[in-house]
Amino acid sequence: QTSRAMAQLAARLRKNKSDAFAARRLMSVLTYREFALPLRDFRHETGVRAVDLSPDGRVLATLSTRGMLTLWDLEKGKRSEVKAGQFWWYGMFSHLSVDYNKDGTQVVTPGGKECAAKIWDVAGEPELAVTIESPEAESDFGHAEFSPDGEKVVAITRQGMAFVWDAGSGEKLLDLETESFGQDATLVYCSFLLDGAYIVTSVGMRPTPSGPDFQWKEAGISVWDSRTGKRVNHLVDSAYLKYGGPFFTWKETVVAHPSQTKLTYLNAQGRLTVWDYLKGTRLDGRERHGGA
């Protein structure tokens, strides 16, 4: 594999002598004899906003800024694609998503301003299986994920709403009670926690003419009971309010432990915190990074 990657890098340099990426990688492997190297190029016509690897590691699913769902065979380099949605320009500043179910037979994508999320059968060419319609008009989806068992889907909208659906029928099961976030809230991330017992959402606030006081009030992450839709905890780092500037929601990252009630939260200002999300307590000191 290393020799294949080196050959690929050398070919890129022959084709384009100003390819700085290929030059750096090739120099690194020749100098240190060991480095993470690309095995294959997966070129898109537009920017890639989301990726996910199939459970068997053989297929890469990507979602582009223009809403194209593309499936890449990692061995053969072949691809198949379909139009999955249409996104506003805001997609550059928030999380879009593509997510496999547990056995790799389906992926779910947000539909953007089509006001729907879509589940695709991907055993062969991508084929639409279920369309999940938004219960609210003009509420475009930006992020959607399967539950660990693949039976449910959680999705959020640019307008600050979050819902849970049956993945087989598209029937709505739950509304998460997000109305308390206010009209300036933007939900930018959602995921199931702890084998599907809980759901996490990441909340950002748009800058407002009235100043920073309101925009920081609810910014943070919320944890929900996936059976009742009730909010269990809202986690906010109080020191976070010391840092000025607009809240760039697209830089947020939440990572949860698969079996414990712990998660890490990296916000737009580069602050990393670790939480027990059921107790609502921070577990260690904050780490400050140069950028998220």
Protein backbone atom coordinates (compact mmCIF):
# COMPACT_ATOMS: atom_id res chain seq x y z
CA GLN A 1 0.00 0.00 0.00
CA THR A 2 2.87 2.38 0.76
CA SER A 3 4.41 1.79 -2.66
CA ARG A 4 1.03 2.40 -4.32
CA ALA A 5 0.63 5.65 -2.41
CA MET A 6 4.15 6.79 -3.31
CA ALA A 7 3.49 6.04 -6.96
CA GLN A 8 0.29 8.04 -6.80
CA LEU A 9 2.05 11.03 -5.22
CA ALA A 10 4.83 10.88 -7.80
CA ALA A 11 2.25 10.77 -10.60
CA ARG A 12 0.51 13.83 -9.16
CA LEU A 13 3.80 15.73 -9.11
CA ARG A 14 4.59 14.78 -12.70
CA LYS A 15 1.19 16.05 -13.73
CA ASN A 16 1.41 19.23 -11.64
CA LYS A 17 4.83 20.27 -10.36
CA SER A 18 3.25 22.93 -8.11
CA ASP A 19 1.15 20.36 -6.17
CA ALA A 20 2.34 21.30 -2.66
CA PHE A 21 0.27 18.60 -0.93
CA ALA A 22 1.83 15.79 -2.96
CA ALA A 23 5.32 17.25 -2.52
CA ARG A 24 5.01 17.47 1.27
CA ARG A 25 3.65 13.95 1.62
CA LEU A 26 6.29 12.46 -0.65
CA MET A 27 9.12 14.23 1.18
CA SER A 28 7.73 13.05 4.53
CA VAL A 29 7.61 9.39 3.55
CA LEU A 30 11.07 9.51 2.00
CA THR A 31 12.50 11.24 5.08
CA TYR A 32 10.72 9.42 7.91
CA ARG A 33 9.93 6.14 6.11
CA GLU A 34 6.49 6.18 7.66
CA PHE A 35 3.54 8.48 7.18
CA ALA A 36 -0.20 8.47 6.57
CA LEU A 37 -0.49 8.47 2.80
CA PRO A 38 -3.46 8.75 0.45
CA LEU A 39 -4.22 5.52 -1.39
CA ARG A 40 -6.67 6.98 -3.87
CA ASP A 41 -8.10 10.34 -4.93
CA PHE A 42 -11.85 10.89 -4.60
CA ARG A 43 -12.41 14.08 -6.53
CA HIS A 44 -15.65 16.06 -6.38
CA GLU A 45 -16.86 18.88 -8.56
CA THR A 46 -17.79 20.94 -5.49
CA GLY A 47 -16.89 21.06 -1.80
CA VAL A 48 -17.50 18.01 0.40
CA ARG A 49 -19.64 18.79 3.46
CA ALA A 50 -19.98 15.32 5.04
CA VAL A 51 -18.43 11.84 4.89
CA ASP A 52 -19.13 8.45 6.46
CA LEU A 53 -17.50 5.05 6.04
CA SER A 54 -19.64 1.92 5.71
CA PRO A 55 -19.45 -0.52 8.66
CA ASP A 56 -17.48 -3.04 6.56
CA GLY A 57 -15.00 -0.33 5.52
CA ARG A 58 -15.52 -0.88 1.79
CA VAL A 59 -17.61 2.11 0.72
CA LEU A 60 -17.23 5.82 1.46
CA ALA A 61 -20.36 7.98 1.34
CA THR A 62 -19.97 11.72 0.76
CA LEU A 63 -22.39 14.64 0.56
CA SER A 64 -21.40 17.74 -1.40
CA THR A 65 -22.36 21.37 -1.00
CA ARG A 66 -24.59 21.00 -4.07
CA GLY A 67 -26.45 18.11 -2.46
CA MET A 68 -24.93 15.17 -4.36
CA LEU A 69 -24.77 11.88 -2.43
CA THR A 70 -21.82 9.90 -3.79
CA LEU A 71 -20.83 6.31 -2.94
CA TRP A 72 -17.17 5.42 -3.55
CA ASP A 73 -15.94 1.84 -3.81
CA LEU A 74 -12.61 2.07 -1.96
CA GLU A 75 -11.07 -0.91 -3.76
CA LYS A 76 -12.08 -0.10 -7.33
CA GLY A 77 -12.46 3.66 -7.08
CA LYS A 78 -15.83 3.45 -8.81
CA ARG A 79 -18.59 5.79 -7.80
CA SER A 80 -22.34 6.14 -8.04
CA GLU A 81 -24.24 9.27 -7.13
CA VAL A 82 -27.69 10.78 -6.80
CA LYS A 83 -29.11 14.20 -6.01
CA ALA A 84 -29.95 14.06 -2.29
CA GLY A 85 -31.02 17.61 -1.57
CA GLN A 86 -30.60 21.31 -2.17
CA PHE A 87 -28.88 23.47 0.39
CA TRP A 88 -28.84 27.17 1.10
CA TRP A 89 -25.49 28.92 1.27
CA TYR A 90 -25.70 28.55 5.07
CA GLY A 91 -24.56 24.94 4.55
CA MET A 92 -21.03 26.30 4.44
CA PHE A 93 -21.39 27.39 8.07
CA SER A 94 -23.15 24.46 9.70
CA HIS A 95 -22.98 20.70 9.91
CA LEU A 96 -24.40 18.73 7.02
CA SER A 97 -24.32 14.97 7.38
CA VAL A 98 -24.42 11.54 5.80
CA ASP A 99 -24.83 8.54 8.10
CA TYR A 100 -24.87 4.75 7.58
CA ASN A 101 -27.18 2.47 9.53
CA LYS A 102 -25.64 -0.34 11.58
CA ASP A 103 -25.50 -2.96 8.79
CA GLY A 104 -24.49 -0.57 6.00
CA THR A 105 -27.57 -1.16 3.85
CA GLN A 106 -28.91 2.40 4.14
CA VAL A 107 -27.71 5.97 4.57
CA VAL A 108 -29.66 9.01 5.72
CA THR A 109 -29.08 12.51 4.39
CA PRO A 110 -30.67 15.90 5.10
CA GLY A 111 -32.61 17.38 2.23
CA GLY A 112 -31.86 21.02 2.95
CA LYS A 113 -34.49 23.40 1.62
CA GLU A 114 -36.54 20.50 0.25
CA CYS A 115 -37.84 20.36 3.87
CA ALA A 116 -37.21 16.63 4.16
CA ALA A 117 -34.62 14.08 5.21
CA LYS A 118 -34.08 11.03 3.01
CA ILE A 119 -33.15 7.41 3.64
CA TRP A 120 -31.39 5.63 0.77
CA ASP A 121 -30.93 1.94 0.04
CA VAL A 122 -27.26 1.60 -0.87
CA ALA A 123 -26.69 -2.13 -1.38
CA GLY A 124 -26.26 -1.26 -5.07
CA GLU A 125 -26.96 2.03 -6.81
CA PRO A 126 -28.40 4.53 -4.30
CA GLU A 127 -32.19 4.31 -4.36
CA LEU A 128 -34.61 6.39 -2.32
CA ALA A 129 -36.32 4.24 0.34
CA VAL A 130 -38.06 6.67 2.72
CA THR A 131 -38.72 10.41 2.58
CA ILE A 132 -39.13 12.03 5.98
CA GLU A 133 -41.21 15.18 5.58
CA SER A 134 -40.80 18.09 7.94
CA PRO A 135 -43.95 18.79 9.98
CA GLU A 136 -43.26 22.52 9.68
CA ALA A 137 -43.25 24.59 6.50
CA GLU A 138 -39.92 26.06 5.38
CA SER A 139 -37.89 24.12 7.94
CA ASP A 140 -34.88 22.79 6.06
CA PHE A 141 -32.85 19.94 7.52
CA GLY A 142 -29.11 20.30 8.06
CA HIS A 143 -28.16 17.15 10.01
CA ALA A 144 -29.67 13.65 10.41
CA GLU A 145 -28.43 10.41 12.01
CA PHE A 146 -29.61 6.85 12.60
CA SER A 147 -30.04 5.40 16.07
CA PRO A 148 -27.53 2.64 16.95
CA ASP A 149 -30.11 -0.06 16.11
CA GLY A 150 -31.01 1.63 12.81
CA GLU A 151 -34.70 1.82 13.68
CA LYS A 152 -34.97 5.57 14.28
CA VAL A 153 -33.65 8.80 12.77
CA VAL A 154 -33.03 12.07 14.60
CA ALA A 155 -32.82 15.26 12.53
CA ILE A 156 -32.51 18.98 13.17
CA THR A 157 -33.52 22.01 11.15
CA ARG A 158 -31.87 25.33 10.46
CA GLN A 159 -34.86 26.96 12.17
CA GLY A 160 -34.06 25.35 15.55
CA MET A 161 -36.37 22.31 15.59
CA ALA A 162 -35.48 18.67 16.30
CA PHE A 163 -37.52 15.52 15.61
CA VAL A 164 -37.28 11.73 15.83
CA TRP A 165 -38.82 9.46 13.16
CA ASP A 166 -39.34 5.77 12.53
CA ALA A 167 -36.70 4.85 9.94
CA GLY A 168 -38.90 2.22 8.31
CA SER A 169 -42.12 4.17 7.84
CA GLY A 170 -41.05 7.80 8.13
CA GLU A 171 -43.63 8.31 10.90
CA LYS A 172 -42.79 11.07 13.37
CA LEU A 173 -42.28 9.69 16.88
CA LEU A 174 -41.07 12.67 18.92
CA ASP A 175 -40.72 16.44 18.97
CA LEU A 176 -37.81 17.57 21.11
CA GLU A 177 -38.96 20.59 23.08
CA THR A 178 -36.58 23.13 21.56
CA GLU A 179 -38.92 26.12 21.64
CA SER A 180 -37.17 27.42 24.77
CA PHE A 181 -34.10 28.22 22.68
CA GLY A 182 -35.79 31.22 21.07
CA GLN A 183 -36.07 32.40 17.49
CA ASP A 184 -32.35 33.09 17.11
CA ALA A 185 -31.31 29.52 17.94
CA THR A 186 -29.65 27.36 15.32
CA LEU A 187 -29.32 23.63 15.95
CA VAL A 188 -26.12 22.49 14.26
CA TYR A 189 -25.59 18.89 15.40
CA CYS A 190 -27.54 15.90 16.72
CA SER A 191 -26.73 12.29 17.62
CA PHE A 192 -27.94 9.37 19.71
CA LEU A 193 -26.08 8.55 22.95
CA LEU A 194 -25.64 5.44 25.08
CA ASP A 195 -27.18 2.83 22.75
CA GLY A 196 -29.96 5.22 21.78
CA ALA A 197 -31.28 6.03 25.26
CA TYR A 198 -30.45 9.72 24.90
CA ILE A 199 -30.00 12.32 22.18
CA VAL A 200 -27.52 15.20 22.10
CA THR A 201 -28.07 18.44 20.19
CA SER A 202 -25.63 21.30 19.77
CA VAL A 203 -27.11 24.79 19.90
CA GLY A 204 -25.71 28.02 18.51
CA MET A 205 -27.09 31.53 18.52
CA ARG A 206 -26.94 33.91 15.60
CA PRO A 207 -25.49 37.37 16.28
CA THR A 208 -28.29 39.88 16.91
CA PRO A 209 -28.44 43.70 16.64
CA SER A 210 -29.26 43.90 20.35
CA GLY A 211 -25.75 42.79 21.31
CA PRO A 212 -24.14 39.63 22.67
CA ASP A 213 -26.21 39.07 25.83
CA PHE A 214 -28.96 37.01 24.23
CA GLN A 215 -26.83 35.22 21.69
CA TRP A 216 -24.76 33.57 24.46
CA LYS A 217 -27.63 32.72 26.81
CA GLU A 218 -28.52 29.32 25.39
CA ALA A 219 -25.43 28.44 23.35
CA GLY A 220 -24.16 24.99 24.31
CA ILE A 221 -25.31 21.38 24.15
CA SER A 222 -28.54 19.75 25.31
CA VAL A 223 -29.19 16.11 26.23
CA TRP A 224 -32.66 14.61 25.74
CA ASP A 225 -34.48 11.45 26.80
CA SER A 226 -35.09 9.66 23.48
CA ARG A 227 -38.28 8.00 24.79
CA THR A 228 -40.08 11.10 26.08
CA GLY A 229 -38.44 13.96 24.19
CA LYS A 230 -37.82 15.82 27.46
CA ARG A 231 -34.58 17.70 28.01
CA VAL A 232 -32.39 16.06 30.67
CA ASN A 233 -29.55 18.60 30.81
CA HIS A 234 -28.26 21.74 29.15
CA LEU A 235 -24.48 22.07 29.35
CA VAL A 236 -22.84 25.49 29.11
CA ASP A 237 -19.29 26.44 30.07
CA SER A 238 -19.78 29.65 32.09
CA ALA A 239 -16.26 30.85 31.22
CA TYR A 240 -17.31 30.61 27.58
CA LEU A 241 -19.19 33.90 27.98
CA LYS A 242 -15.92 35.78 28.46
CA TYR A 243 -14.97 35.41 24.82
CA GLY A 244 -16.46 37.93 22.44
CA GLY A 245 -17.18 37.75 18.74
CA PRO A 246 -19.94 36.02 16.79
CA PHE A 247 -20.80 32.40 17.45
CA PHE A 248 -19.69 30.47 14.34
CA THR A 249 -21.81 27.35 14.66
CA TRP A 250 -20.11 25.37 11.90
CA LYS A 251 -16.98 24.80 14.00
CA GLU A 252 -18.64 22.94 16.86
CA THR A 253 -17.81 19.29 17.54
CA VAL A 254 -19.38 16.84 20.00
CA VAL A 255 -17.94 13.36 20.63
CA ALA A 256 -19.57 10.95 23.09
CA HIS A 257 -18.19 7.84 24.81
CA PRO A 258 -19.99 4.76 23.41
CA SER A 259 -20.78 3.16 26.78
CA GLN A 260 -20.24 5.81 29.48
CA THR A 261 -22.09 9.03 30.21
CA LYS A 262 -19.22 11.21 29.02
CA LEU A 263 -18.84 13.55 26.09
CA THR A 264 -16.36 16.12 24.85
CA TYR A 265 -17.40 19.45 23.38
CA LEU A 266 -15.19 21.65 21.20
CA ASN A 267 -16.77 25.04 20.63
CA ALA A 268 -16.17 27.77 18.06
CA GLN A 269 -13.65 29.61 20.23
CA GLY A 270 -11.41 26.55 20.51
CA ARG A 271 -12.43 25.56 24.05
CA LEU A 272 -12.51 21.82 24.77
CA THR A 273 -14.57 20.59 27.74
CA VAL A 274 -15.43 17.10 29.03
CA TRP A 275 -18.80 16.47 30.69
CA ASP A 276 -20.83 13.86 32.49
CA TYR A 277 -23.95 14.61 30.49
CA LEU A 278 -26.43 12.99 32.88
CA LYS A 279 -25.10 14.70 36.01
CA GLY A 280 -24.51 17.93 34.12
CA THR A 281 -21.01 18.35 35.57
CA ARG A 282 -17.73 19.15 33.88
CA LEU A 283 -15.13 16.46 34.58
CA ASP A 284 -11.85 18.27 34.06
CA GLY A 285 -10.28 21.63 33.33
CA ARG A 286 -10.86 23.48 30.10
CA GLU A 287 -8.29 23.28 27.35
CA ARG A 288 -7.82 26.30 25.13
CA HIS A 289 -6.90 25.77 21.46
CA GLY A 290 -5.84 28.24 18.83
CA GLY A 291 -8.86 27.37 16.68
CA ALA A 292 -11.65 24.82 16.66
